[in-house]
Amino acid sequence: MLQQVQHNSIRSRSSTDEDAHIRVLIKPGKYVLSEGIKVNTAMTVTFQTLDMPDIDYFMNEEEENKEQTAGENISATPKRKLFKRAGKLRKSVMSCRTVNIVNEESNNRLDEIDEKLQPHPSRAMLVLHSRQNNEPIFRVLDGTVNINNMAIIHSSAGIDIWNGNSAVQVQPPSLPDGNLPEFTPRPKVILHKAEVSSRSGRGIVAIDGGTAHVRECYIHDCAATGIYVGGPGSSAIIERADVLRNGNGNRIRRGIGRGHSGIYLEQGTALVRDCNISQNSLSGLSAISQENAILSLEQSDLVANGAIQLEMPPDVPPHVVDPKLGTIEFLRMECSASVVV
């Protein structure tokens, strides 16, 4: 199911919106967005796949109307008879004995059934096709955005991975001179059971005080970094997530070059717990800043990443090893990390 979607940004309308909650339920299927979704409100906004009935197959509206107006027993309709014949034919073909080749008419009928009996899509998939440079699918400027059980496939023109070329961008608005206002909103995004990929940039970006909570998600095949946290006050909590095959660039001329990490912490705080961070181009997890950075890494696998599995500042001071717990603690006044193996 492919649909073209047009929409406007979600903005705050009154001071009482802070306690409000907007929920957007999306029917399973593939949706092509003509522009990104911008959220600039103190409210909580939830995007999630609509739960559908537990049925294996569905008919389109035209076929359903024919069934309802026929006034006959469903089991006696020509369509049901065709299903029954197809079932016998498939059983004969798949059985462990020699069978004759079915005739062309039977093959044509099987093709007809296969076209009509399409399985339900498992969830909603948002795909961005935009002419704007460096435009994310979700740009969160204020408030809290929940993204539940959805696939987010991003591709945008441009190569500015710091200012929008990402699937999800969590960043408070800045002043015209580029500085942050005295009172800065703390936008937040919560992704649960989501799939995120970007063919042109980063997957998830939380900067300048933005917060990202990623739980049971699949972050994969991003041209640049899978998850990026930067700027004082920014934070990320990443739990039970797979962060795989990120940072390999793209083949677009003058596009994103190869050599990015699965997770990159520049400044802020990051908690990574029970994750699989593997097969990323440069490193599995990088935390290179010597100031204003706190990294906690627990019970996670970092395997088969490019240059290094865990990248720390070059002058990490002596560390303490607890052989009973299998814990390595790096001691630093403003940058610390713990690895549980």
C-alpha atoms as a PDB file:
ATOM      1  CA  MET A   1       0.000   0.000   0.000  1.00  0.00           C
ATOM      2  CA  LEU A   2       1.705   3.174  -1.208  1.00  0.00           C
ATOM      3  CA  GLN A   3       0.215   6.539  -0.386  1.00  0.00           C
ATOM      4  CA  GLN A   4       1.339  10.106  -0.997  1.00  0.00           C
ATOM      5  CA  VAL A   5       0.978  12.191   2.134  1.00  0.00           C
ATOM      6  CA  GLN A   6       0.930  15.946   2.571  1.00  0.00           C
ATOM      7  CA  HIS A   7       0.836  17.529   5.998  1.00  0.00           C
ATOM      8  CA  ASN A   8       1.606  20.657   7.993  1.00  0.00           C
ATOM      9  CA  SER A   9       3.857  21.133  10.975  1.00  0.00           C
ATOM     10  CA  ILE A  10       2.449  20.656  14.468  1.00  0.00           C
ATOM     11  CA  ARG A  11       2.662  23.892  16.433  1.00  0.00           C
ATOM     12  CA  SER A  12       1.469  25.046  19.815  1.00  0.00           C
ATOM     13  CA  ARG A  13      -1.749  27.122  19.716  1.00  0.00           C
ATOM     14  CA  SER A  14      -2.255  28.158  23.326  1.00  0.00           C
ATOM     15  CA  SER A  15      -0.628  28.086  26.725  1.00  0.00           C
ATOM     16  CA  THR A  16      -2.884  25.230  27.832  1.00  0.00           C
ATOM     17  CA  ASP A  17      -1.499  22.903  25.152  1.00  0.00           C
ATOM     18  CA  GLU A  18       1.254  21.770  27.500  1.00  0.00           C
ATOM     19  CA  ASP A  19      -1.054  19.190  29.113  1.00  0.00           C
ATOM     20  CA  ALA A  20      -2.582  18.039  25.826  1.00  0.00           C
ATOM     21  CA  HIS A  21      -1.749  14.871  23.937  1.00  0.00           C
ATOM     22  CA  ILE A  22      -2.087  14.339  20.197  1.00  0.00           C
ATOM     23  CA  ARG A  23      -2.152  10.751  18.924  1.00  0.00           C
ATOM     24  CA  VAL A  24      -1.688   9.960  15.247  1.00  0.00           C
ATOM     25  CA  LEU A  25      -2.710   6.395  14.354  1.00  0.00           C
ATOM     26  CA  ILE A  26      -1.398   5.197  11.003  1.00  0.00           C
ATOM     27  CA  LYS A  27      -2.734   2.158   9.191  1.00  0.00           C
ATOM     28  CA  PRO A  28      -0.041  -0.402   8.292  1.00  0.00           C
ATOM     29  CA  GLY A  29       1.417   0.249   4.865  1.00  0.00           C
ATOM     30  CA  LYS A  30       3.953   2.375   3.038  1.00  0.00           C
ATOM     31  CA  TYR A  31       3.549   6.165   2.986  1.00  0.00           C
ATOM     32  CA  VAL A  32       5.655   8.581   0.955  1.00  0.00           C
ATOM     33  CA  LEU A  33       6.019  11.999   2.584  1.00  0.00           C
ATOM     34  CA  SER A  34       6.405  15.059   0.399  1.00  0.00           C
ATOM     35  CA  GLU A  35       7.966  16.967   3.314  1.00  0.00           C
ATOM     36  CA  GLY A  36       9.242  16.289   6.797  1.00  0.00           C
ATOM     37  CA  ILE A  37       7.163  16.443   9.971  1.00  0.00           C
ATOM     38  CA  LYS A  38       8.038  19.382  12.240  1.00  0.00           C
ATOM     39  CA  VAL A  39       6.888  19.373  15.867  1.00  0.00           C
ATOM     40  CA  ASN A  40       7.142  22.692  17.722  1.00  0.00           C
ATOM     41  CA  THR A  41       4.753  22.445  20.642  1.00  0.00           C
ATOM     42  CA  ALA A  42       4.915  21.787  24.368  1.00  0.00           C
ATOM     43  CA  MET A  43       2.418  18.950  23.939  1.00  0.00           C
ATOM     44  CA  THR A  44       3.086  15.235  23.686  1.00  0.00           C
ATOM     45  CA  VAL A  45       2.600  13.880  20.172  1.00  0.00           C
ATOM     46  CA  THR A  46       2.453  10.147  19.479  1.00  0.00           C
ATOM     47  CA  PHE A  47       2.841   8.506  16.079  1.00  0.00           C
ATOM     48  CA  GLN A  48       2.109   4.803  16.042  1.00  0.00           C
ATOM     49  CA  THR A  49       0.967   1.985  13.819  1.00  0.00           C
ATOM     50  CA  LEU A  50      -2.723   1.206  14.152  1.00  0.00           C
ATOM     51  CA  ASP A  51      -3.379  -2.296  15.487  1.00  0.00           C
ATOM     52  CA  MET A  52      -5.244  -4.298  12.862  1.00  0.00           C
ATOM     53  CA  PRO A  53      -7.408  -7.417  13.340  1.00  0.00           C
ATOM     54  CA  ASP A  54      -5.561 -10.738  13.390  1.00  0.00           C
ATOM     55  CA  ILE A  55      -6.449 -11.933   9.894  1.00  0.00           C
ATOM     56  CA  ASP A  56      -4.145 -13.404   7.313  1.00  0.00           C
ATOM     57  CA  TYR A  57      -5.431 -11.776   4.154  1.00  0.00           C
ATOM     58  CA  PHE A  58      -7.713  -8.999   3.058  1.00  0.00           C
ATOM     59  CA  MET A  59      -9.753  -8.064   0.002  1.00  0.00           C
ATOM     60  CA  ASN A  60     -10.002  -4.647  -1.568  1.00  0.00           C
ATOM     61  CA  GLU A  61     -13.243  -2.653  -1.295  1.00  0.00           C
ATOM     62  CA  GLU A  62     -14.519  -3.643  -4.739  1.00  0.00           C
ATOM     63  CA  GLU A  63     -14.185  -7.354  -4.025  1.00  0.00           C
ATOM     64  CA  GLU A  64     -15.715  -6.958  -0.572  1.00  0.00           C
ATOM     65  CA  ASN A  65     -18.772  -5.190  -2.016  1.00  0.00           C
ATOM     66  CA  LYS A  66     -19.236  -7.967  -4.552  1.00  0.00           C
ATOM     67  CA  GLU A  67     -19.191 -10.528  -1.770  1.00  0.00           C
ATOM     68  CA  GLN A  68     -21.780  -8.621   0.251  1.00  0.00           C
ATOM     69  CA  THR A  69     -24.177  -8.017  -2.674  1.00  0.00           C
ATOM     70  CA  ALA A  70     -24.009 -11.511  -4.117  1.00  0.00           C
ATOM     71  CA  GLY A  71     -26.436 -12.852  -1.505  1.00  0.00           C
ATOM     72  CA  GLU A  72     -25.003 -16.334  -1.800  1.00  0.00           C
ATOM     73  CA  ASN A  73     -23.296 -18.682   0.581  1.00  0.00           C
ATOM     74  CA  ILE A  74     -19.624 -17.694   0.841  1.00  0.00           C
ATOM     75  CA  SER A  75     -18.503 -21.293   0.597  1.00  0.00           C
ATOM     76  CA  ALA A  76     -20.322 -21.669  -2.725  1.00  0.00           C
ATOM     77  CA  THR A  77     -18.952 -18.603  -4.500  1.00  0.00           C
ATOM     78  CA  PRO A  78     -16.745 -19.131  -7.581  1.00  0.00           C
ATOM     79  CA  LYS A  79     -13.923 -17.350  -5.788  1.00  0.00           C
ATOM     80  CA  ARG A  80     -13.997 -19.811  -2.877  1.00  0.00           C
ATOM     81  CA  LYS A  81     -14.126 -22.710  -5.318  1.00  0.00           C
ATOM     82  CA  LEU A  82     -11.059 -21.275  -7.030  1.00  0.00           C
ATOM     83  CA  PHE A  83      -9.264 -21.068  -3.671  1.00  0.00           C
ATOM     84  CA  LYS A  84     -10.151 -24.703  -2.990  1.00  0.00           C
ATOM     85  CA  ARG A  85      -8.847 -25.847  -6.377  1.00  0.00           C
ATOM     86  CA  ALA A  86      -5.671 -23.816  -5.896  1.00  0.00           C
ATOM     87  CA  GLY A  87      -5.135 -25.412  -2.497  1.00  0.00           C
ATOM     88  CA  LYS A  88      -5.383 -28.902  -3.959  1.00  0.00           C
ATOM     89  CA  LEU A  89      -3.069 -27.939  -6.794  1.00  0.00           C
ATOM     90  CA  ARG A  90      -0.435 -26.512  -4.446  1.00  0.00           C
ATOM     91  CA  LYS A  91      -0.654 -29.608  -2.238  1.00  0.00           C
ATOM     92  CA  SER A  92      -0.105 -31.797  -5.291  1.00  0.00           C
ATOM     93  CA  VAL A  93       2.881 -29.783  -6.494  1.00  0.00           C
ATOM     94  CA  MET A  94       4.552 -29.659  -3.062  1.00  0.00           C
ATOM     95  CA  SER A  95       3.989 -33.356  -2.218  1.00  0.00           C
ATOM     96  CA  CYS A  96       6.947 -35.756  -2.266  1.00  0.00           C
ATOM     97  CA  ARG A  97       6.018 -37.680  -5.386  1.00  0.00           C
ATOM     98  CA  THR A  98       6.271 -37.327  -9.120  1.00  0.00           C
ATOM     99  CA  VAL A  99       3.520 -35.209 -10.613  1.00  0.00           C
ATOM    100  CA  ASN A 100       2.645 -34.033 -14.059  1.00  0.00           C
ATOM    101  CA  ILE A 101       3.333 -30.444 -15.015  1.00  0.00           C
ATOM    102  CA  VAL A 102       0.220 -28.338 -14.506  1.00  0.00           C
ATOM    103  CA  ASN A 103      -1.296 -26.737 -17.545  1.00  0.00           C
ATOM    104  CA  GLU A 104      -1.028 -23.082 -18.442  1.00  0.00           C
ATOM    105  CA  GLU A 105      -4.589 -22.324 -17.345  1.00  0.00           C
ATOM    106  CA  SER A 106      -3.901 -23.573 -13.827  1.00  0.00           C
ATOM    107  CA  ASN A 107      -0.720 -21.522 -13.621  1.00  0.00           C
ATOM    108  CA  ASN A 108      -2.608 -18.402 -14.658  1.00  0.00           C
ATOM    109  CA  ARG A 109      -5.211 -18.996 -11.960  1.00  0.00           C
ATOM    110  CA  LEU A 110      -2.520 -19.465  -9.335  1.00  0.00           C
ATOM    111  CA  ASP A 111      -0.954 -16.146 -10.379  1.00  0.00           C
ATOM    112  CA  GLU A 112      -4.365 -14.498 -10.079  1.00  0.00           C
ATOM    113  CA  ILE A 113      -4.803 -15.803  -6.546  1.00  0.00           C
ATOM    114  CA  ASP A 114      -1.309 -14.710  -5.512  1.00  0.00           C
ATOM    115  CA  GLU A 115      -2.071 -11.176  -6.680  1.00  0.00           C
ATOM    116  CA  LYS A 116      -5.348 -10.997  -4.751  1.00  0.00           C
ATOM    117  CA  LEU A 117      -4.192 -12.681  -1.553  1.00  0.00           C
ATOM    118  CA  GLN A 118      -1.691 -10.163  -0.210  1.00  0.00           C
ATOM    119  CA  PRO A 119      -0.572 -10.400   3.427  1.00  0.00           C
ATOM    120  CA  HIS A 120      -1.140  -7.469   5.760  1.00  0.00           C
ATOM    121  CA  PRO A 121       1.783  -5.065   6.174  1.00  0.00           C
ATOM    122  CA  SER A 122       3.021  -5.474   9.731  1.00  0.00           C
ATOM    123  CA  ARG A 123       3.404  -1.746  10.444  1.00  0.00           C
ATOM    124  CA  ALA A 124       3.444   1.731   8.984  1.00  0.00           C
ATOM    125  CA  MET A 125       6.489   2.771   6.975  1.00  0.00           C
ATOM    126  CA  LEU A 126       7.273   6.444   6.384  1.00  0.00           C
ATOM    127  CA  VAL A 127       9.518   7.211   3.426  1.00  0.00           C
ATOM    128  CA  LEU A 128      10.687  10.772   2.760  1.00  0.00           C
ATOM    129  CA  HIS A 129      10.892  11.961  -0.853  1.00  0.00           C
ATOM    130  CA  SER A 130      11.633  15.670  -0.575  1.00  0.00           C
ATOM    131  CA  ARG A 131      13.408  18.201  -2.768  1.00  0.00           C
ATOM    132  CA  GLN A 132      14.498  20.212   0.266  1.00  0.00           C
ATOM    133  CA  ASN A 133      18.137  19.983   1.304  1.00  0.00           C
ATOM    134  CA  ASN A 134      18.993  18.381   4.642  1.00  0.00           C
ATOM    135  CA  GLU A 135      15.439  17.729   5.757  1.00  0.00           C
ATOM    136  CA  PRO A 136      14.686  15.070   8.403  1.00  0.00           C
ATOM    137  CA  ILE A 137      11.526  13.025   8.553  1.00  0.00           C
ATOM    138  CA  PHE A 138      10.929  14.126  12.161  1.00  0.00           C
ATOM    139  CA  ARG A 139      12.263  17.496  13.336  1.00  0.00           C
ATOM    140  CA  VAL A 140      11.447  17.924  17.034  1.00  0.00           C
ATOM    141  CA  LEU A 141      11.922  21.492  18.285  1.00  0.00           C
ATOM    142  CA  ASP A 142       9.848  21.329  21.468  1.00  0.00           C
ATOM    143  CA  GLY A 143       7.681  18.918  23.410  1.00  0.00           C
ATOM    144  CA  THR A 144       7.790  15.125  23.425  1.00  0.00           C
ATOM    145  CA  VAL A 145       7.325  12.902  20.393  1.00  0.00           C
ATOM    146  CA  ASN A 146       6.616   9.177  20.713  1.00  0.00           C
ATOM    147  CA  ILE A 147       7.269   6.941  17.700  1.00  0.00           C
ATOM    148  CA  ASN A 148       5.933   3.440  18.254  1.00  0.00           C
ATOM    149  CA  ASN A 149       6.177   0.379  16.022  1.00  0.00           C
ATOM    150  CA  MET A 150       7.037   2.201  12.798  1.00  0.00           C
ATOM    151  CA  ALA A 151       9.681   2.082  10.082  1.00  0.00           C
ATOM    152  CA  ILE A 152      11.383   5.368   9.141  1.00  0.00           C
ATOM    153  CA  ILE A 153      13.319   5.350   5.865  1.00  0.00           C
ATOM    154  CA  HIS A 154      15.072   8.640   5.160  1.00  0.00           C
ATOM    155  CA  SER A 155      16.776  10.142   2.144  1.00  0.00           C
ATOM    156  CA  SER A 156      17.396  13.828   1.576  1.00  0.00           C
ATOM    157  CA  ALA A 157      19.445  16.021  -0.698  1.00  0.00           C
ATOM    158  CA  GLY A 158      22.487  17.699   0.802  1.00  0.00           C
ATOM    159  CA  ILE A 159      25.337  16.517   3.012  1.00  0.00           C
ATOM    160  CA  ASP A 160      24.901  18.608   6.175  1.00  0.00           C
ATOM    161  CA  ILE A 161      24.584  15.866   8.801  1.00  0.00           C
ATOM    162  CA  TRP A 162      24.784  18.458  11.607  1.00  0.00           C
ATOM    163  CA  ASN A 163      21.774  20.473  10.489  1.00  0.00           C
ATOM    164  CA  GLY A 164      19.020  18.207   9.342  1.00  0.00           C
ATOM    165  CA  ASN A 165      20.304  15.404   7.149  1.00  0.00           C
ATOM    166  CA  SER A 166      19.055  12.693   9.478  1.00  0.00           C
ATOM    167  CA  ALA A 167      15.964  10.575   9.905  1.00  0.00           C
ATOM    168  CA  VAL A 168      15.145  12.069  13.333  1.00  0.00           C
ATOM    169  CA  GLN A 169      16.512  15.442  14.494  1.00  0.00           C
ATOM    170  CA  VAL A 170      15.921  16.519  18.121  1.00  0.00           C
ATOM    171  CA  GLN A 171      17.130  20.080  18.590  1.00  0.00           C
ATOM    172  CA  PRO A 172      15.632  23.203  20.214  1.00  0.00           C
ATOM    173  CA  PRO A 173      15.221  26.242  17.971  1.00  0.00           C
ATOM    174  CA  SER A 174      18.053  28.774  17.816  1.00  0.00           C
ATOM    175  CA  LEU A 175      18.079  32.546  17.454  1.00  0.00           C
ATOM    176  CA  PRO A 176      18.748  34.205  14.063  1.00  0.00           C
ATOM    177  CA  ASP A 177      22.395  34.677  15.072  1.00  0.00           C
ATOM    178  CA  GLY A 178      22.716  30.944  15.664  1.00  0.00           C
ATOM    179  CA  ASN A 179      22.844  31.128  19.461  1.00  0.00           C
ATOM    180  CA  LEU A 180      20.387  29.418  21.781  1.00  0.00           C
ATOM    181  CA  PRO A 181      17.816  31.597  23.632  1.00  0.00           C
ATOM    182  CA  GLU A 182      18.123  32.128  27.382  1.00  0.00           C
ATOM    183  CA  PHE A 183      15.161  29.835  27.972  1.00  0.00           C
ATOM    184  CA  THR A 184      15.706  26.779  25.807  1.00  0.00           C
ATOM    185  CA  PRO A 185      13.032  24.106  25.386  1.00  0.00           C
ATOM    186  CA  ARG A 186      14.117  20.535  25.991  1.00  0.00           C
ATOM    187  CA  PRO A 187      12.651  18.543  23.118  1.00  0.00           C
ATOM    188  CA  LYS A 188      12.491  14.796  23.522  1.00  0.00           C
ATOM    189  CA  VAL A 189      11.840  11.845  21.241  1.00  0.00           C
ATOM    190  CA  ILE A 190      10.977   8.328  22.416  1.00  0.00           C
ATOM    191  CA  LEU A 191      11.310   5.526  19.888  1.00  0.00           C
ATOM    192  CA  HIS A 192       9.947   2.084  20.762  1.00  0.00           C
ATOM    193  CA  LYS A 193      10.138  -0.914  18.437  1.00  0.00           C
ATOM    194  CA  ALA A 194      11.031   1.336  15.526  1.00  0.00           C
ATOM    195  CA  GLU A 195      13.252   0.790  12.512  1.00  0.00           C
ATOM    196  CA  VAL A 196      15.400   3.759  11.453  1.00  0.00           C
ATOM    197  CA  SER A 197      17.592   4.075   8.380  1.00  0.00           C
ATOM    198  CA  SER A 198      19.009   7.003   6.410  1.00  0.00           C
ATOM    199  CA  ARG A 199      20.465   6.655   2.942  1.00  0.00           C
ATOM    200  CA  SER A 200      21.867  10.189   3.000  1.00  0.00           C
ATOM    201  CA  GLY A 201      22.877  11.007   6.584  1.00  0.00           C
ATOM    202  CA  ARG A 202      22.514  10.079  10.237  1.00  0.00           C
ATOM    203  CA  GLY A 203      19.816   8.016  11.860  1.00  0.00           C
ATOM    204  CA  ILE A 204      18.985   9.780  15.147  1.00  0.00           C
ATOM    205  CA  VAL A 205      20.482  13.119  16.236  1.00  0.00           C
ATOM    206  CA  ALA A 206      20.068  14.750  19.675  1.00  0.00           C
ATOM    207  CA  ILE A 207      21.940  18.038  19.983  1.00  0.00           C
ATOM    208  CA  ASP A 208      21.893  21.364  21.874  1.00  0.00           C
ATOM    209  CA  GLY A 209      19.900  19.932  24.779  1.00  0.00           C
ATOM    210  CA  GLY A 210      17.758  17.432  22.884  1.00  0.00           C
ATOM    211  CA  THR A 211      16.975  14.013  24.355  1.00  0.00           C
ATOM    212  CA  ALA A 212      16.494  10.674  22.626  1.00  0.00           C
ATOM    213  CA  HIS A 213      15.221   7.499  24.284  1.00  0.00           C
ATOM    214  CA  VAL A 214      15.669   4.505  21.976  1.00  0.00           C
ATOM    215  CA  ARG A 215      14.201   1.216  23.160  1.00  0.00           C
ATOM    216  CA  GLU A 216      14.002  -2.089  21.282  1.00  0.00           C
ATOM    217  CA  CYS A 217      14.814  -0.427  17.977  1.00  0.00           C
ATOM    218  CA  TYR A 218      16.747  -1.355  14.847  1.00  0.00           C
ATOM    219  CA  ILE A 219      19.107   1.402  13.638  1.00  0.00           C
ATOM    220  CA  HIS A 220      20.803   0.241  10.481  1.00  0.00           C
ATOM    221  CA  ASP A 221      22.465   1.125   7.190  1.00  0.00           C
ATOM    222  CA  CYS A 222      22.710   4.864   7.760  1.00  0.00           C
ATOM    223  CA  ALA A 223      25.156   6.618   5.450  1.00  0.00           C
ATOM    224  CA  ALA A 224      26.659   8.446   8.459  1.00  0.00           C
ATOM    225  CA  THR A 225      26.402   7.833  12.218  1.00  0.00           C
ATOM    226  CA  GLY A 226      23.568   5.677  13.509  1.00  0.00           C
ATOM    227  CA  ILE A 227      22.963   7.686  16.713  1.00  0.00           C
ATOM    228  CA  TYR A 228      24.678  11.031  17.398  1.00  0.00           C
ATOM    229  CA  VAL A 229      24.607  12.972  20.693  1.00  0.00           C
ATOM    230  CA  GLY A 230      26.248  16.396  20.834  1.00  0.00           C
ATOM    231  CA  GLY A 231      26.137  19.708  22.666  1.00  0.00           C
ATOM    232  CA  PRO A 232      25.928  20.432  26.413  1.00  0.00           C
ATOM    233  CA  GLY A 233      22.774  19.098  28.025  1.00  0.00           C
ATOM    234  CA  SER A 234      22.028  16.573  25.295  1.00  0.00           C
ATOM    235  CA  SER A 235      21.315  12.998  26.332  1.00  0.00           C
ATOM    236  CA  ALA A 236      20.419   9.586  25.002  1.00  0.00           C
ATOM    237  CA  ILE A 237      19.208   6.353  26.580  1.00  0.00           C
ATOM    238  CA  ILE A 238      19.633   3.368  24.279  1.00  0.00           C
ATOM    239  CA  GLU A 239      18.299   0.029  25.504  1.00  0.00           C
ATOM    240  CA  ARG A 240      17.994  -3.372  23.830  1.00  0.00           C
ATOM    241  CA  ALA A 241      18.722  -1.916  20.414  1.00  0.00           C
ATOM    242  CA  ASP A 242      20.548  -3.223  17.349  1.00  0.00           C
ATOM    243  CA  VAL A 243      22.879  -0.649  15.792  1.00  0.00           C
ATOM    244  CA  LEU A 244      24.277  -2.284  12.673  1.00  0.00           C
ATOM    245  CA  ARG A 245      26.126  -1.444   9.436  1.00  0.00           C
ATOM    246  CA  ASN A 246      26.172   2.331   9.801  1.00  0.00           C
ATOM    247  CA  GLY A 247      28.700   4.829   8.466  1.00  0.00           C
ATOM    248  CA  ASN A 248      29.458   3.325   5.063  1.00  0.00           C
ATOM    249  CA  GLY A 249      28.562   6.508   3.173  1.00  0.00           C
ATOM    250  CA  ASN A 250      26.581   6.529  -0.042  1.00  0.00           C
ATOM    251  CA  ARG A 251      27.376   6.339  -3.704  1.00  0.00           C
ATOM    252  CA  ILE A 252      26.007   9.758  -4.558  1.00  0.00           C
ATOM    253  CA  ARG A 253      28.541  12.072  -6.173  1.00  0.00           C
ATOM    254  CA  ARG A 254      29.915  14.456  -3.548  1.00  0.00           C
ATOM    255  CA  GLY A 255      27.796  12.662  -0.980  1.00  0.00           C
ATOM    256  CA  ILE A 256      28.572  11.268   2.461  1.00  0.00           C
ATOM    257  CA  GLY A 257      31.976   9.628   2.708  1.00  0.00           C
ATOM    258  CA  ARG A 258      32.676   6.313   4.375  1.00  0.00           C
ATOM    259  CA  GLY A 259      33.938   6.226   7.974  1.00  0.00           C
ATOM    260  CA  HIS A 260      31.331   6.888  10.702  1.00  0.00           C
ATOM    261  CA  SER A 261      30.453   5.233  13.988  1.00  0.00           C
ATOM    262  CA  GLY A 262      27.468   3.271  15.182  1.00  0.00           C
ATOM    263  CA  ILE A 263      26.991   5.567  18.201  1.00  0.00           C
ATOM    264  CA  TYR A 264      28.899   8.849  18.635  1.00  0.00           C
ATOM    265  CA  LEU A 265      28.902  10.863  21.859  1.00  0.00           C
ATOM    266  CA  GLU A 266      30.476  14.285  21.441  1.00  0.00           C
ATOM    267  CA  GLN A 267      29.056  16.051  24.495  1.00  0.00           C
ATOM    268  CA  GLY A 268      26.246  15.261  26.896  1.00  0.00           C
ATOM    269  CA  THR A 269      25.328  11.947  28.475  1.00  0.00           C
ATOM    270  CA  ALA A 270      24.578   8.536  27.016  1.00  0.00           C
ATOM    271  CA  LEU A 271      23.447   5.283  28.611  1.00  0.00           C
ATOM    272  CA  VAL A 272      23.819   2.227  26.399  1.00  0.00           C
ATOM    273  CA  ARG A 273      22.417  -0.971  27.897  1.00  0.00           C
ATOM    274  CA  ASP A 274      21.980  -4.474  26.459  1.00  0.00           C
ATOM    275  CA  CYS A 275      22.644  -3.451  22.848  1.00  0.00           C
ATOM    276  CA  ASN A 276      24.226  -5.057  19.805  1.00  0.00           C
ATOM    277  CA  ILE A 277      26.575  -2.553  18.127  1.00  0.00           C
ATOM    278  CA  SER A 278      28.234  -4.348  15.239  1.00  0.00           C
ATOM    279  CA  GLN A 279      29.571  -4.081  11.692  1.00  0.00           C
ATOM    280  CA  ASN A 280      29.727  -0.287  11.720  1.00  0.00           C
ATOM    281  CA  SER A 281      32.261   1.393   9.459  1.00  0.00           C
ATOM    282  CA  LEU A 282      34.610   3.266  11.811  1.00  0.00           C
ATOM    283  CA  SER A 283      33.871   2.299  15.418  1.00  0.00           C
ATOM    284  CA  GLY A 284      31.105   0.712  17.391  1.00  0.00           C
ATOM    285  CA  LEU A 285      30.877   3.475  19.979  1.00  0.00           C
ATOM    286  CA  SER A 286      32.922   6.690  20.175  1.00  0.00           C
ATOM    287  CA  ALA A 287      33.126   9.058  23.143  1.00  0.00           C
ATOM    288  CA  ILE A 288      36.055  11.339  22.413  1.00  0.00           C
ATOM    289  CA  SER A 289      35.308  14.552  24.283  1.00  0.00           C
ATOM    290  CA  GLN A 290      37.329  15.255  27.420  1.00  0.00           C
ATOM    291  CA  GLU A 291      34.732  17.659  28.796  1.00  0.00           C
ATOM    292  CA  ASN A 292      31.008  17.512  29.553  1.00  0.00           C
ATOM    293  CA  ALA A 293      30.604  13.906  28.465  1.00  0.00           C
ATOM    294  CA  ILE A 294      29.418  10.916  30.504  1.00  0.00           C
ATOM    295  CA  LEU A 295      29.087   7.476  28.940  1.00  0.00           C
ATOM    296  CA  SER A 296      27.714   4.334  30.585  1.00  0.00           C
ATOM    297  CA  LEU A 297      27.958   1.115  28.597  1.00  0.00           C
ATOM    298  CA  GLU A 298      26.427  -2.016  30.092  1.00  0.00           C
ATOM    299  CA  GLN A 299      25.984  -5.614  28.959  1.00  0.00           C
ATOM    300  CA  SER A 300      26.398  -4.804  25.292  1.00  0.00           C
ATOM    301  CA  ASP A 301      28.143  -6.492  22.364  1.00  0.00           C
ATOM    302  CA  LEU A 302      30.563  -4.506  20.211  1.00  0.00           C
ATOM    303  CA  VAL A 303      31.688  -6.861  17.464  1.00  0.00           C
ATOM    304  CA  ALA A 304      33.221  -6.635  13.992  1.00  0.00           C
ATOM    305  CA  ASN A 305      33.274  -2.844  13.805  1.00  0.00           C
ATOM    306  CA  GLY A 306      35.772  -1.214  11.453  1.00  0.00           C
ATOM    307  CA  ALA A 307      38.748   0.428  13.166  1.00  0.00           C
ATOM    308  CA  ILE A 308      37.937   0.009  16.860  1.00  0.00           C
ATOM    309  CA  GLN A 309      35.109  -1.317  18.999  1.00  0.00           C
ATOM    310  CA  LEU A 310      35.096   1.343  21.766  1.00  0.00           C
ATOM    311  CA  GLU A 311      36.825   4.670  21.162  1.00  0.00           C
ATOM    312  CA  MET A 312      37.783   6.750  24.194  1.00  0.00           C
ATOM    313  CA  PRO A 313      39.864   9.946  24.596  1.00  0.00           C
ATOM    314  CA  PRO A 314      43.550   9.253  23.965  1.00  0.00           C
ATOM    315  CA  ASP A 315      44.691  10.230  27.476  1.00  0.00           C
ATOM    316  CA  VAL A 316      42.357   8.017  29.505  1.00  0.00           C
ATOM    317  CA  PRO A 317      43.810   7.847  33.059  1.00  0.00           C
ATOM    318  CA  PRO A 318      44.512   4.566  34.862  1.00  0.00           C
ATOM    319  CA  HIS A 319      41.475   2.388  35.307  1.00  0.00           C
ATOM    320  CA  VAL A 320      40.237  -0.004  37.961  1.00  0.00           C
ATOM    321  CA  VAL A 321      39.367  -3.588  37.071  1.00  0.00           C
ATOM    322  CA  ASP A 322      37.010  -5.672  39.182  1.00  0.00           C
ATOM    323  CA  PRO A 323      37.625  -9.308  38.159  1.00  0.00           C
ATOM    324  CA  LYS A 324      34.543 -10.550  40.032  1.00  0.00           C
ATOM    325  CA  LEU A 325      32.115  -8.325  38.157  1.00  0.00           C
ATOM    326  CA  GLY A 326      34.083  -8.191  34.932  1.00  0.00           C
ATOM    327  CA  THR A 327      33.856  -4.409  35.080  1.00  0.00           C
ATOM    328  CA  ILE A 328      36.297  -1.844  33.732  1.00  0.00           C
ATOM    329  CA  GLU A 329      35.869   1.661  35.103  1.00  0.00           C
ATOM    330  CA  PHE A 330      37.641   4.574  33.456  1.00  0.00           C
ATOM    331  CA  LEU A 331      38.257   7.323  35.983  1.00  0.00           C
ATOM    332  CA  ARG A 332      37.826  10.880  34.761  1.00  0.00           C
ATOM    333  CA  MET A 333      36.403  13.949  36.428  1.00  0.00           C
ATOM    334  CA  GLU A 334      34.057  14.800  33.566  1.00  0.00           C
ATOM    335  CA  CYS A 335      34.152  11.746  31.354  1.00  0.00           C
ATOM    336  CA  SER A 336      33.649   8.223  32.648  1.00  0.00           C
ATOM    337  CA  ALA A 337      32.619   4.952  31.129  1.00  0.00           C
ATOM    338  CA  SER A 338      31.838   1.508  32.460  1.00  0.00           C
ATOM    339  CA  VAL A 339      31.919  -1.635  30.371  1.00  0.00           C
ATOM    340  CA  VAL A 340      30.228  -4.789  31.607  1.00  0.00           C
ATOM    341  CA  VAL A 341      31.327  -7.934  29.738  1.00  0.00           C
END
